[in-house]
Protein backbone atom coordinates (compact mmCIF):
# COMPACT_ATOMS: atom_id res chain seq x y z
CA MET A 1 -39.96 1.58 -26.02
CA ASN A 2 -38.64 4.99 -26.64
CA ALA A 3 -41.10 5.58 -29.49
CA GLN A 4 -43.97 5.37 -27.00
CA LEU A 5 -42.31 7.86 -24.55
CA SER A 6 -42.65 11.65 -25.13
CA LEU A 7 -39.64 13.67 -25.31
CA THR A 8 -40.33 15.14 -21.90
CA ASP A 9 -40.66 11.65 -20.40
CA ARG A 10 -37.40 10.50 -21.96
CA TRP A 11 -35.77 13.67 -20.53
CA ARG A 12 -37.15 13.01 -17.14
CA ARG A 13 -35.93 9.34 -17.31
CA TRP A 14 -32.51 10.34 -18.56
CA SER A 15 -31.99 13.00 -15.83
CA TYR A 16 -33.17 10.50 -12.93
CA LEU A 17 -30.74 7.85 -14.35
CA GLN A 18 -27.94 10.30 -14.49
CA ASP A 19 -28.56 11.22 -10.73
CA VAL A 20 -28.71 7.45 -9.92
CA ASP A 21 -25.44 6.89 -11.88
CA LEU A 22 -23.88 9.73 -9.92
CA TRP A 23 -24.65 8.16 -6.56
CA MET A 24 -23.64 4.80 -7.56
CA SER A 25 -20.21 6.03 -8.77
CA THR A 26 -18.26 3.65 -6.33
CA LEU A 27 -19.64 0.61 -8.24
CA PRO A 28 -17.67 -0.83 -11.22
CA ARG A 29 -18.78 0.47 -14.47
CA SER A 30 -20.10 -2.68 -15.93
CA ARG A 31 -22.30 -3.23 -12.86
CA ARG A 32 -23.67 0.30 -13.01
CA ARG A 33 -24.43 -0.13 -16.77
CA THR A 34 -26.41 -3.21 -16.09
CA ILE A 35 -28.42 -1.50 -13.28
CA LEU A 36 -29.04 1.47 -15.29
CA ASN A 37 -30.19 -0.48 -18.31
CA ASP A 38 -32.68 -2.48 -16.15
CA LEU A 39 -33.94 0.69 -14.55
CA LYS A 40 -34.27 2.31 -17.94
CA LEU A 41 -36.52 -0.56 -19.20
CA ASN A 42 -38.47 -0.82 -16.01
CA LEU A 43 -39.24 2.94 -15.96
CA ALA A 44 -40.29 2.72 -19.74
CA GLU A 45 -42.70 -0.06 -18.84
CA ALA A 46 -44.06 1.66 -15.72
CA ALA A 47 -44.47 4.97 -17.64
CA THR A 48 -46.80 3.44 -20.16
CA VAL A 49 -49.17 2.58 -17.24
CA ASN A 50 -48.81 5.53 -14.80
CA GLY A 51 -46.77 8.13 -16.52
CA MET A 52 -43.05 8.92 -16.03
CA PRO A 53 -43.55 11.25 -13.16
CA GLU A 54 -45.45 8.59 -11.07
CA ALA A 55 -42.93 5.81 -12.17
CA ILE A 56 -40.05 7.90 -10.89
CA ALA A 57 -41.78 8.83 -7.69
CA GLU A 58 -42.48 5.14 -7.01
CA LEU A 59 -38.79 4.38 -7.11
CA GLY A 60 -38.01 7.18 -4.60
CA THR A 61 -35.10 9.77 -4.81
CA ALA A 62 -32.05 8.82 -6.83
CA ARG A 63 -29.90 8.85 -3.87
CA SER A 64 -32.00 6.34 -1.84
CA LEU A 65 -32.35 4.03 -4.87
CA ALA A 66 -28.62 4.12 -5.46
CA ARG A 67 -28.05 3.51 -1.73
CA SER A 68 -30.24 0.37 -1.83
CA TYR A 69 -28.11 -0.92 -4.77
CA LEU A 70 -24.88 -0.12 -2.99
CA ASP A 71 -26.00 -1.79 0.14
CA GLU A 72 -26.65 -5.06 -1.93
CA GLU A 73 -23.16 -5.12 -3.24
CA PRO A 74 -20.26 -6.68 -1.38
CA ARG A 75 -17.98 -4.29 0.23
CA ARG A 76 -14.69 -3.60 -1.53
CA GLY A 77 -11.48 -3.34 0.48
CA PRO A 78 -8.58 -1.03 -0.24
CA ASN A 79 -6.86 -1.40 -3.49
CA TRP A 80 -3.33 -2.15 -2.60
CA VAL A 81 -2.07 -2.22 -6.26
CA ALA A 82 -3.32 1.38 -6.71
CA GLY A 83 -1.49 2.24 -3.41
CA ALA A 84 1.72 0.70 -4.72
CA ILE A 85 1.47 2.73 -8.03
CA GLY A 86 0.77 5.87 -6.13
CA ALA A 87 3.77 5.30 -3.81
CA THR A 88 5.99 4.54 -6.74
CA VAL A 89 4.85 7.79 -8.48
CA ALA A 90 5.50 9.70 -5.22
CA PHE A 91 8.96 8.13 -4.81
CA GLY A 92 9.76 8.86 -8.39
CA LEU A 93 8.76 12.49 -7.99
CA GLY A 94 10.89 12.75 -5.04
CA LEU A 95 13.82 11.29 -6.88
CA TYR A 96 13.18 13.71 -9.67
CA ALA A 97 13.09 16.69 -7.24
CA LEU A 98 16.35 15.53 -5.80
CA MET A 99 17.93 15.24 -9.13
CA ILE A 100 16.90 18.87 -10.12
CA TYR A 101 18.28 20.02 -6.75
CA VAL A 102 21.65 18.34 -7.26
CA LEU A 103 21.86 19.75 -10.93
CA GLY A 104 20.97 23.22 -9.57
CA MET A 105 23.90 22.89 -7.11
CA LEU A 106 26.27 21.67 -9.75
CA ASP A 107 25.31 24.49 -12.15
CA ALA A 108 25.69 27.05 -9.37
CA LEU A 109 29.12 25.67 -8.59
CA GLN A 110 30.16 25.83 -12.20
CA GLY A 111 28.83 29.48 -12.43
CA THR A 112 31.00 30.43 -9.35
CA GLY A 113 34.18 28.80 -10.72
CA GLY A 114 33.99 25.46 -9.05
CA GLY A 115 34.26 24.04 -5.56
CA THR A 116 32.21 22.01 -3.10
CA ALA A 117 28.93 22.84 -1.56
CA THR A 118 26.65 21.18 1.07
CA GLY A 119 22.99 21.38 0.90
CA ASN A 120 19.74 19.65 2.08
CA ALA A 121 17.05 18.37 -0.13
CA LEU A 122 13.97 16.63 1.19
CA GLY A 123 15.76 15.94 4.49
CA ILE A 124 18.83 14.27 2.64
CA ARG A 125 22.32 15.89 2.94
CA VAL A 126 23.69 16.57 -0.54
CA GLU A 127 27.39 17.38 -1.03
CA ALA A 128 28.04 18.59 -4.65
CA THR A 129 31.51 18.97 -6.01
CA ASN A 130 32.21 20.64 -9.48
CA THR A 131 35.89 21.10 -10.26
CA ALA A 132 37.99 20.82 -13.37
CA SER A 133 38.90 17.22 -12.44
CA GLU A 134 35.62 16.10 -10.84
CA VAL A 135 31.87 16.41 -10.96
CA SER A 136 30.04 14.37 -8.20
CA ALA A 137 27.23 14.32 -5.70
CA ASN A 138 27.28 12.53 -2.41
CA PHE A 139 24.14 11.80 -0.34
CA GLY A 140 23.79 11.09 3.28
CA GLY A 141 21.20 10.75 5.96
CA PHE A 142 17.69 9.45 5.96
CA SER A 143 14.52 11.56 4.85
CA TRP A 144 11.69 11.08 7.27
CA ILE A 145 9.81 13.75 5.31
CA TRP A 146 10.00 11.76 2.04
CA LEU A 147 9.16 8.43 3.73
CA ILE A 148 6.06 10.01 5.43
CA ALA A 149 5.00 11.57 2.14
CA VAL A 150 5.25 8.26 0.26
CA VAL A 151 3.48 6.30 2.96
CA VAL A 152 0.60 8.85 3.05
CA VAL A 153 0.25 8.74 -0.71
CA TRP A 154 0.34 4.99 -0.61
CA LEU A 155 -2.52 4.89 2.03
CA LEU A 156 -4.59 7.53 0.14
CA SER A 157 -4.11 5.81 -3.26
CA ALA A 158 -5.12 2.44 -1.78
CA ARG A 159 -8.09 4.05 -0.13
CA ILE A 160 -7.34 2.76 3.22
CA TRP A 161 -10.46 4.18 4.72
CA ARG A 162 -12.39 1.16 3.07
CA LEU A 163 -11.05 -1.00 5.79
CA PHE A 164 -13.08 0.90 8.47
CA ARG A 165 -16.47 1.17 6.71
CA ARG A 166 -19.36 -0.66 8.50
């Protein structure tokens, strides 16, 4: 079919299909590919009759066409697995930050000749000891900041707003 279309028509079709693809980005890739291949063939056939500008005009704007396809698709809810992965990564980053803080405290204690120091990292009380006979860190308390951060990352990663769509 492409042999019958001029370079300009192929460019117009490609540009239009890219716009449709952009507006349908929430659909799974395989479904988008199927829709775009069908549109490509239909536009090529319609262009042989009326020309590409008229064929595109008959379909309407890329946004409205994409919206019609999106309205036909079943609504997808939150992705709880992605939320769990996001929360795990956020929790791990918090642990990493806590570890760096403790190692910094221990290094500072070693540089000052040893002893014990108390600090606060992410809302958790940290008591670090670095002496000739002991290197340790004790943790205490509960971090609401960390918990809230992990929950927010979980909700955003899961795309919780999908529960509230019409």
